[in-house]
N, C-alpha and C. Protein backbone atom coordinates (compact mmCIF):
# COMPACT_ATOMS: atom_id res chain seq x y z
N MET A 1 177.12 -67.93 -53.35
CA MET A 1 175.78 -68.45 -53.50
C MET A 1 175.68 -69.86 -52.91
N LYS A 2 176.73 -70.67 -53.18
CA LYS A 2 176.73 -72.04 -52.67
C LYS A 2 176.80 -72.05 -51.14
N LYS A 3 177.59 -71.13 -50.56
CA LYS A 3 177.69 -71.04 -49.10
C LYS A 3 176.35 -70.66 -48.49
N LYS A 4 175.64 -69.75 -49.12
CA LYS A 4 174.33 -69.31 -48.62
C LYS A 4 173.33 -70.47 -48.65
N LEU A 5 173.35 -71.26 -49.71
CA LEU A 5 172.45 -72.40 -49.84
C LEU A 5 172.75 -73.44 -48.76
N ILE A 6 174.03 -73.73 -48.53
CA ILE A 6 174.43 -74.69 -47.50
C ILE A 6 174.05 -74.16 -46.11
N SER A 7 174.27 -72.89 -45.86
CA SER A 7 173.93 -72.28 -44.58
C SER A 7 172.42 -72.35 -44.32
N THR A 8 171.62 -72.05 -45.32
CA THR A 8 170.16 -72.13 -45.18
C THR A 8 169.72 -73.56 -44.92
N PHE A 9 170.32 -74.51 -45.64
CA PHE A 9 169.99 -75.92 -45.45
C PHE A 9 170.32 -76.37 -44.03
N LEU A 10 171.50 -75.99 -43.54
CA LEU A 10 171.91 -76.38 -42.18
C LEU A 10 171.00 -75.76 -41.13
N ARG A 11 170.62 -74.51 -41.29
CA ARG A 11 169.69 -73.88 -40.35
C ARG A 11 168.35 -74.61 -40.34
N GLY A 12 167.88 -74.96 -41.52
CA GLY A 12 166.62 -75.71 -41.62
C GLY A 12 166.69 -77.06 -40.91
N MET A 13 167.81 -77.76 -41.08
CA MET A 13 167.99 -79.06 -40.43
C MET A 13 168.07 -78.91 -38.91
N MET A 14 168.76 -77.86 -38.45
CA MET A 14 168.85 -77.63 -37.01
C MET A 14 167.48 -77.29 -36.44
N PHE A 15 166.69 -76.49 -37.16
CA PHE A 15 165.34 -76.16 -36.71
C PHE A 15 164.48 -77.42 -36.63
N LEU A 16 164.57 -78.29 -37.65
CA LEU A 16 163.81 -79.53 -37.66
C LEU A 16 164.23 -80.43 -36.49
N ALA A 17 165.52 -80.55 -36.24
CA ALA A 17 166.00 -81.38 -35.13
C ALA A 17 165.51 -80.83 -33.79
N LEU A 18 165.53 -79.52 -33.63
CA LEU A 18 165.05 -78.90 -32.39
C LEU A 18 163.55 -79.12 -32.22
N ALA A 19 162.79 -78.99 -33.30
CA ALA A 19 161.34 -79.20 -33.22
C ALA A 19 161.02 -80.64 -32.82
N VAL A 20 161.74 -81.61 -33.37
CA VAL A 20 161.52 -83.01 -33.03
C VAL A 20 161.89 -83.26 -31.57
N ALA A 21 162.99 -82.68 -31.11
CA ALA A 21 163.44 -82.88 -29.72
C ALA A 21 162.47 -82.29 -28.71
N LEU A 22 161.82 -81.19 -29.05
CA LEU A 22 160.92 -80.52 -28.11
C LEU A 22 159.47 -80.93 -28.27
N ALA A 23 159.16 -81.76 -29.24
CA ALA A 23 157.77 -82.18 -29.48
C ALA A 23 157.28 -83.02 -28.31
N PRO A 24 155.98 -82.93 -27.95
CA PRO A 24 155.44 -83.76 -26.87
C PRO A 24 155.62 -85.24 -27.17
N ARG A 25 155.94 -85.99 -26.15
CA ARG A 25 156.18 -87.42 -26.31
C ARG A 25 154.95 -88.27 -26.01
N SER A 26 153.83 -87.65 -25.66
CA SER A 26 152.65 -88.43 -25.29
C SER A 26 152.14 -89.27 -26.44
N ALA A 27 152.41 -88.88 -27.66
CA ALA A 27 151.96 -89.65 -28.81
C ALA A 27 152.68 -90.99 -28.90
N THR A 28 153.87 -91.10 -28.31
CA THR A 28 154.62 -92.35 -28.37
C THR A 28 154.41 -93.22 -27.14
N ALA A 29 153.72 -92.71 -26.12
CA ALA A 29 153.49 -93.51 -24.92
C ALA A 29 152.52 -94.64 -25.23
N GLN A 30 152.84 -95.82 -24.76
CA GLN A 30 151.99 -96.97 -24.99
C GLN A 30 151.36 -97.41 -23.68
N VAL A 31 150.06 -97.71 -23.73
CA VAL A 31 149.37 -98.24 -22.57
C VAL A 31 149.57 -99.74 -22.58
N SER A 32 150.17 -100.27 -21.51
CA SER A 32 150.49 -101.68 -21.49
C SER A 32 149.58 -102.51 -20.59
N GLU A 33 148.81 -101.89 -19.74
CA GLU A 33 147.94 -102.64 -18.82
C GLU A 33 146.75 -101.78 -18.47
N VAL A 34 145.58 -102.37 -18.46
CA VAL A 34 144.36 -101.68 -18.07
C VAL A 34 143.59 -102.63 -17.16
N GLY A 35 143.08 -102.12 -16.06
CA GLY A 35 142.35 -102.97 -15.14
C GLY A 35 141.46 -102.16 -14.22
N LYS A 36 140.80 -102.87 -13.29
CA LYS A 36 139.89 -102.26 -12.32
C LYS A 36 140.19 -102.84 -10.95
N PHE A 37 139.86 -102.05 -9.92
CA PHE A 37 139.97 -102.53 -8.55
C PHE A 37 139.06 -101.69 -7.66
N SER A 38 138.77 -102.21 -6.48
CA SER A 38 137.98 -101.48 -5.48
C SER A 38 138.77 -101.40 -4.19
N LEU A 39 138.70 -100.25 -3.56
CA LEU A 39 139.37 -100.05 -2.28
C LEU A 39 138.32 -99.98 -1.18
N PRO A 40 138.41 -100.83 -0.16
CA PRO A 40 137.46 -100.78 0.94
C PRO A 40 137.83 -99.73 2.00
N PHE A 41 138.97 -99.06 1.82
CA PHE A 41 139.46 -98.09 2.79
C PHE A 41 140.33 -97.06 2.06
N GLU A 42 140.63 -95.95 2.74
CA GLU A 42 141.50 -94.93 2.18
C GLU A 42 142.92 -95.47 2.07
N VAL A 43 143.59 -95.16 0.95
CA VAL A 43 144.92 -95.68 0.70
C VAL A 43 145.84 -94.56 0.20
N HIS A 44 147.06 -94.53 0.71
CA HIS A 44 148.10 -93.64 0.20
C HIS A 44 148.82 -94.39 -0.91
N TRP A 45 148.98 -93.74 -2.06
CA TRP A 45 149.66 -94.38 -3.19
C TRP A 45 150.58 -93.33 -3.80
N GLY A 46 151.86 -93.47 -3.57
CA GLY A 46 152.79 -92.42 -3.99
C GLY A 46 152.45 -91.15 -3.23
N THR A 47 152.27 -90.06 -3.96
CA THR A 47 151.90 -88.79 -3.32
C THR A 47 150.39 -88.59 -3.28
N ALA A 48 149.62 -89.53 -3.82
CA ALA A 48 148.15 -89.41 -3.86
C ALA A 48 147.51 -90.12 -2.67
N VAL A 49 146.35 -89.62 -2.27
CA VAL A 49 145.52 -90.28 -1.26
C VAL A 49 144.20 -90.62 -1.93
N LEU A 50 143.93 -91.93 -2.07
CA LEU A 50 142.73 -92.40 -2.74
C LEU A 50 141.69 -92.79 -1.71
N PRO A 51 140.49 -92.20 -1.77
CA PRO A 51 139.43 -92.61 -0.85
C PRO A 51 138.88 -93.99 -1.26
N ALA A 52 138.16 -94.63 -0.35
CA ALA A 52 137.53 -95.91 -0.66
C ALA A 52 136.63 -95.74 -1.87
N GLY A 53 136.56 -96.79 -2.70
CA GLY A 53 135.69 -96.72 -3.88
C GLY A 53 136.21 -97.59 -5.01
N ALA A 54 135.52 -97.50 -6.16
CA ALA A 54 135.86 -98.26 -7.35
C ALA A 54 136.75 -97.42 -8.26
N TYR A 55 137.76 -98.07 -8.86
CA TYR A 55 138.73 -97.39 -9.71
C TYR A 55 139.03 -98.22 -10.94
N ARG A 56 139.53 -97.55 -11.97
CA ARG A 56 140.14 -98.22 -13.11
C ARG A 56 141.51 -97.59 -13.29
N PHE A 57 142.42 -98.33 -13.93
CA PHE A 57 143.77 -97.82 -14.09
C PHE A 57 144.35 -98.23 -15.43
N SER A 58 145.37 -97.50 -15.84
CA SER A 58 146.17 -97.87 -17.01
C SER A 58 147.62 -97.60 -16.67
N VAL A 59 148.50 -98.33 -17.31
CA VAL A 59 149.93 -98.16 -17.10
C VAL A 59 150.56 -97.86 -18.45
N GLY A 60 151.32 -96.79 -18.50
CA GLY A 60 151.98 -96.42 -19.76
C GLY A 60 153.44 -96.14 -19.55
N ASP A 61 154.22 -96.31 -20.60
CA ASP A 61 155.65 -96.04 -20.55
C ASP A 61 155.88 -94.55 -20.71
N ILE A 62 156.50 -93.95 -19.72
CA ILE A 62 156.89 -92.55 -19.81
C ILE A 62 158.26 -92.44 -19.17
N GLY A 63 159.24 -92.08 -19.93
CA GLY A 63 160.58 -91.95 -19.39
C GLY A 63 161.15 -93.30 -19.00
N PRO A 64 162.01 -93.34 -17.98
CA PRO A 64 162.66 -94.59 -17.61
C PRO A 64 161.77 -95.53 -16.79
N SER A 65 160.59 -95.08 -16.38
CA SER A 65 159.71 -95.95 -15.61
C SER A 65 158.27 -95.83 -16.10
N ASP A 66 157.42 -96.69 -15.58
CA ASP A 66 156.02 -96.71 -15.97
C ASP A 66 155.21 -95.85 -15.02
N VAL A 67 154.30 -95.06 -15.57
CA VAL A 67 153.43 -94.22 -14.77
C VAL A 67 152.05 -94.90 -14.73
N VAL A 68 151.42 -94.86 -13.56
CA VAL A 68 150.08 -95.43 -13.40
C VAL A 68 149.09 -94.27 -13.40
N HIS A 69 148.08 -94.38 -14.24
CA HIS A 69 147.02 -93.38 -14.29
C HIS A 69 145.77 -94.03 -13.72
N VAL A 70 145.29 -93.51 -12.59
CA VAL A 70 144.15 -94.08 -11.87
C VAL A 70 142.96 -93.13 -11.99
N PHE A 71 141.79 -93.70 -12.31
CA PHE A 71 140.56 -92.93 -12.46
C PHE A 71 139.51 -93.44 -11.47
N LYS A 72 138.89 -92.55 -10.72
CA LYS A 72 137.81 -92.93 -9.79
C LYS A 72 136.56 -93.14 -10.61
N GLU A 73 135.87 -94.26 -10.40
CA GLU A 73 134.68 -94.59 -11.18
C GLU A 73 133.38 -94.24 -10.47
N ASP A 74 133.36 -94.22 -9.14
CA ASP A 74 132.12 -93.91 -8.43
C ASP A 74 132.31 -92.62 -7.63
N GLY A 75 131.23 -91.94 -7.35
CA GLY A 75 131.31 -90.69 -6.60
C GLY A 75 131.90 -89.58 -7.45
N PRO A 76 132.44 -88.55 -6.80
CA PRO A 76 133.04 -87.45 -7.56
C PRO A 76 134.21 -87.95 -8.39
N SER A 77 134.29 -87.50 -9.64
CA SER A 77 135.36 -87.98 -10.51
C SER A 77 136.71 -87.41 -10.06
N ALA A 78 137.72 -88.23 -10.22
CA ALA A 78 139.08 -87.82 -9.88
C ALA A 78 140.03 -88.70 -10.68
N SER A 79 141.20 -88.18 -10.97
CA SER A 79 142.23 -89.00 -11.61
C SER A 79 143.58 -88.65 -10.98
N TYR A 80 144.46 -89.64 -10.99
CA TYR A 80 145.76 -89.51 -10.34
C TYR A 80 146.83 -90.06 -11.27
N LEU A 81 147.96 -89.38 -11.37
CA LEU A 81 149.15 -89.89 -12.05
C LEU A 81 150.14 -90.28 -10.95
N ILE A 82 150.53 -91.55 -10.93
CA ILE A 82 151.35 -92.04 -9.83
C ILE A 82 152.64 -92.63 -10.39
N LEU A 83 153.76 -92.08 -9.97
CA LEU A 83 155.07 -92.55 -10.42
C LEU A 83 155.67 -93.50 -9.38
N PRO A 84 156.24 -94.61 -9.82
CA PRO A 84 156.86 -95.53 -8.87
C PRO A 84 158.22 -95.04 -8.40
N HIS A 85 158.67 -95.59 -7.27
CA HIS A 85 160.03 -95.31 -6.78
C HIS A 85 161.03 -96.22 -7.46
N GLY A 86 160.54 -97.37 -7.94
CA GLY A 86 161.40 -98.34 -8.60
C GLY A 86 160.55 -99.37 -9.31
N TRP A 87 161.19 -100.23 -10.07
CA TRP A 87 160.48 -101.26 -10.81
C TRP A 87 161.39 -102.45 -11.06
N ASP A 88 160.78 -103.57 -11.42
CA ASP A 88 161.52 -104.79 -11.70
C ASP A 88 160.76 -105.57 -12.76
N ARG A 89 161.45 -106.04 -13.77
CA ARG A 89 160.82 -106.87 -14.81
C ARG A 89 161.23 -108.32 -14.62
N THR A 90 160.24 -109.21 -14.72
CA THR A 90 160.48 -110.65 -14.68
C THR A 90 159.63 -111.27 -15.78
N ALA A 91 159.67 -112.57 -15.90
CA ALA A 91 158.82 -113.24 -16.88
C ALA A 91 157.36 -113.09 -16.45
N ALA A 92 156.45 -112.97 -17.42
CA ALA A 92 155.02 -112.87 -17.12
C ALA A 92 154.62 -114.09 -16.31
N SER A 93 153.97 -113.84 -15.15
CA SER A 93 153.65 -114.95 -14.24
C SER A 93 152.18 -115.32 -14.25
N SER A 94 151.30 -114.40 -14.57
CA SER A 94 149.87 -114.71 -14.60
C SER A 94 149.16 -113.61 -15.38
N GLU A 95 147.89 -113.79 -15.61
CA GLU A 95 147.10 -112.79 -16.31
C GLU A 95 146.55 -111.73 -15.37
N ARG A 96 146.65 -111.95 -14.07
CA ARG A 96 146.06 -111.03 -13.09
C ARG A 96 147.08 -110.06 -12.53
N SER A 97 146.56 -108.90 -12.19
CA SER A 97 147.38 -107.90 -11.52
C SER A 97 146.98 -107.88 -10.05
N GLN A 98 147.84 -107.28 -9.23
CA GLN A 98 147.58 -107.28 -7.80
C GLN A 98 148.21 -106.05 -7.15
N LEU A 99 147.45 -105.43 -6.26
CA LEU A 99 147.97 -104.35 -5.42
C LEU A 99 148.41 -104.96 -4.10
N VAL A 100 149.59 -104.59 -3.63
CA VAL A 100 150.09 -105.08 -2.34
C VAL A 100 150.16 -103.87 -1.40
N PHE A 101 149.48 -104.00 -0.26
CA PHE A 101 149.41 -102.92 0.71
C PHE A 101 150.24 -103.23 1.94
N GLU A 102 150.67 -102.18 2.62
CA GLU A 102 151.24 -102.32 3.96
C GLU A 102 150.63 -101.23 4.83
N ARG A 103 150.66 -101.51 6.11
CA ARG A 103 150.14 -100.55 7.09
C ARG A 103 151.32 -100.07 7.91
N LYS A 104 151.45 -98.75 8.00
CA LYS A 104 152.54 -98.18 8.78
C LYS A 104 152.00 -96.97 9.53
N ASP A 105 152.18 -96.97 10.82
CA ASP A 105 151.74 -95.87 11.67
C ASP A 105 150.26 -95.55 11.46
N GLY A 106 149.46 -96.59 11.30
CA GLY A 106 148.02 -96.41 11.16
C GLY A 106 147.56 -96.03 9.76
N GLU A 107 148.47 -95.85 8.82
CA GLU A 107 148.13 -95.49 7.44
C GLU A 107 148.33 -96.70 6.54
N VAL A 108 147.42 -96.91 5.61
CA VAL A 108 147.56 -97.98 4.63
C VAL A 108 148.12 -97.36 3.36
N TYR A 109 149.14 -97.99 2.79
CA TYR A 109 149.72 -97.48 1.56
C TYR A 109 150.01 -98.62 0.59
N VAL A 110 150.07 -98.27 -0.70
CA VAL A 110 150.42 -99.24 -1.73
C VAL A 110 151.93 -99.43 -1.71
N LYS A 111 152.34 -100.66 -1.51
CA LYS A 111 153.76 -100.98 -1.50
C LYS A 111 154.22 -101.40 -2.90
N GLU A 112 153.36 -102.20 -3.58
CA GLU A 112 153.72 -102.72 -4.91
C GLU A 112 152.47 -102.83 -5.77
N LEU A 113 152.67 -102.69 -7.06
CA LEU A 113 151.66 -103.03 -8.06
C LEU A 113 152.28 -104.12 -8.92
N LEU A 114 151.72 -105.32 -8.85
CA LEU A 114 152.22 -106.46 -9.62
C LEU A 114 151.38 -106.57 -10.88
N LEU A 115 152.00 -106.45 -12.03
CA LEU A 115 151.33 -106.59 -13.31
C LEU A 115 151.75 -107.93 -13.90
N GLY A 116 150.99 -108.97 -13.56
CA GLY A 116 151.36 -110.34 -13.91
C GLY A 116 151.52 -110.58 -15.39
N SER A 117 150.59 -110.07 -16.22
CA SER A 117 150.66 -110.33 -17.65
C SER A 117 151.82 -109.60 -18.31
N GLU A 118 152.32 -108.54 -17.68
CA GLU A 118 153.44 -107.77 -18.21
C GLU A 118 154.77 -108.23 -17.62
N GLY A 119 154.72 -109.01 -16.53
CA GLY A 119 155.95 -109.39 -15.85
C GLY A 119 156.64 -108.19 -15.24
N LEU A 120 155.84 -107.29 -14.64
CA LEU A 120 156.37 -106.04 -14.12
C LEU A 120 155.89 -105.82 -12.71
N THR A 121 156.79 -105.40 -11.83
CA THR A 121 156.44 -105.00 -10.47
C THR A 121 156.88 -103.56 -10.30
N LEU A 122 155.94 -102.71 -9.89
CA LEU A 122 156.23 -101.30 -9.61
C LEU A 122 156.25 -101.13 -8.10
N TYR A 123 157.26 -100.44 -7.57
CA TYR A 123 157.43 -100.26 -6.13
C TYR A 123 157.11 -98.84 -5.71
N TYR A 124 156.47 -98.71 -4.54
CA TYR A 124 156.09 -97.41 -4.00
C TYR A 124 156.52 -97.34 -2.54
N GLY A 125 156.70 -96.14 -2.03
CA GLY A 125 157.16 -95.95 -0.67
C GLY A 125 156.03 -95.64 0.29
N ALA A 126 156.34 -95.73 1.58
CA ALA A 126 155.38 -95.40 2.63
C ALA A 126 155.15 -93.89 2.65
N PRO A 127 153.96 -93.46 3.06
CA PRO A 127 153.71 -92.01 3.14
C PRO A 127 154.59 -91.38 4.21
N LYS A 128 154.99 -90.17 3.95
CA LYS A 128 155.79 -89.43 4.94
C LYS A 128 154.84 -88.72 5.89
N LEU A 129 154.96 -89.05 7.17
CA LEU A 129 154.10 -88.45 8.19
C LEU A 129 154.85 -87.35 8.92
N LYS A 130 154.10 -86.38 9.39
CA LYS A 130 154.69 -85.36 10.24
C LYS A 130 155.09 -86.02 11.55
N LYS A 131 156.10 -85.50 12.20
CA LYS A 131 156.64 -86.12 13.40
C LYS A 131 155.58 -86.32 14.48
N LYS A 132 154.73 -85.31 14.72
CA LYS A 132 153.72 -85.47 15.78
C LYS A 132 152.65 -86.48 15.38
N ASP A 133 152.34 -86.59 14.06
CA ASP A 133 151.38 -87.60 13.61
C ASP A 133 151.96 -88.99 13.79
N ALA A 134 153.25 -89.15 13.50
CA ALA A 134 153.88 -90.46 13.63
C ALA A 134 153.89 -90.92 15.08
N LEU A 135 154.08 -90.02 16.01
CA LEU A 135 154.09 -90.39 17.43
C LEU A 135 152.69 -90.75 17.92
N ALA A 136 151.67 -90.15 17.34
CA ALA A 136 150.30 -90.40 17.77
C ALA A 136 149.77 -91.74 17.28
N ARG A 137 150.35 -92.29 16.23
CA ARG A 137 149.86 -93.54 15.64
C ARG A 137 150.80 -94.67 16.02
N SER A 138 150.23 -95.79 16.41
CA SER A 138 151.10 -96.89 16.82
C SER A 138 150.55 -98.25 16.37
N ALA A 139 149.93 -98.33 15.18
CA ALA A 139 149.41 -99.60 14.67
C ALA A 139 150.57 -100.44 14.14
N PRO A 140 150.53 -101.75 14.32
CA PRO A 140 151.61 -102.59 13.80
C PRO A 140 151.56 -102.66 12.27
N SER A 141 152.73 -102.91 11.65
CA SER A 141 152.79 -103.07 10.20
C SER A 141 152.12 -104.37 9.80
N ARG A 142 151.49 -104.37 8.63
CA ARG A 142 150.80 -105.55 8.14
C ARG A 142 150.75 -105.50 6.63
N ARG A 143 150.82 -106.65 5.97
CA ARG A 143 150.78 -106.72 4.52
C ARG A 143 149.44 -107.30 4.08
N ASP A 144 148.74 -106.58 3.21
CA ASP A 144 147.47 -107.03 2.64
C ASP A 144 147.59 -107.01 1.13
N GLU A 145 146.78 -107.83 0.47
CA GLU A 145 146.79 -107.86 -0.99
C GLU A 145 145.35 -107.79 -1.48
N ILE A 146 145.15 -107.08 -2.58
CA ILE A 146 143.84 -107.01 -3.23
C ILE A 146 144.05 -107.40 -4.68
N PRO A 147 143.39 -108.49 -5.16
CA PRO A 147 143.50 -108.83 -6.57
C PRO A 147 142.76 -107.80 -7.41
N MET A 148 143.22 -107.63 -8.63
CA MET A 148 142.64 -106.66 -9.54
C MET A 148 142.10 -107.37 -10.76
N GLY A 149 140.95 -106.93 -11.26
CA GLY A 149 140.36 -107.54 -12.43
C GLY A 149 140.55 -106.70 -13.66
N LYS A 150 140.36 -107.32 -14.80
CA LYS A 150 140.46 -106.59 -16.07
C LYS A 150 139.08 -106.24 -16.57
């Protein structure tokens, strides 16, 4: 009888541990930054292509890096989840956030998202172009910055 009670208890504990391990983690994600920005041109950001327009964003902790959730505010509604290629934490430097752009092969892409109040820089890569598209475009690289408001 005692063995059966212990066996039932252990099965119950294993079931509880499994349920906790498989439970969705979105309830524990924290939003650490919220802001707005406008794009005067089409921009590649991670795997997403954002058309010109007004946007709002939030940054939340998911896994080992921060995910950016971008929402289009004007025109047809759209939202994007954008994962960085890397990140770096430093001391909070300012209250403002900033998008840093680069131009490569005629395409503008987000290189970095600087979250000044969080002391966080998220890094993104250049878009991957098809070989024939890359040969057709020959614009020089350039770095642009757009400040972001809260």
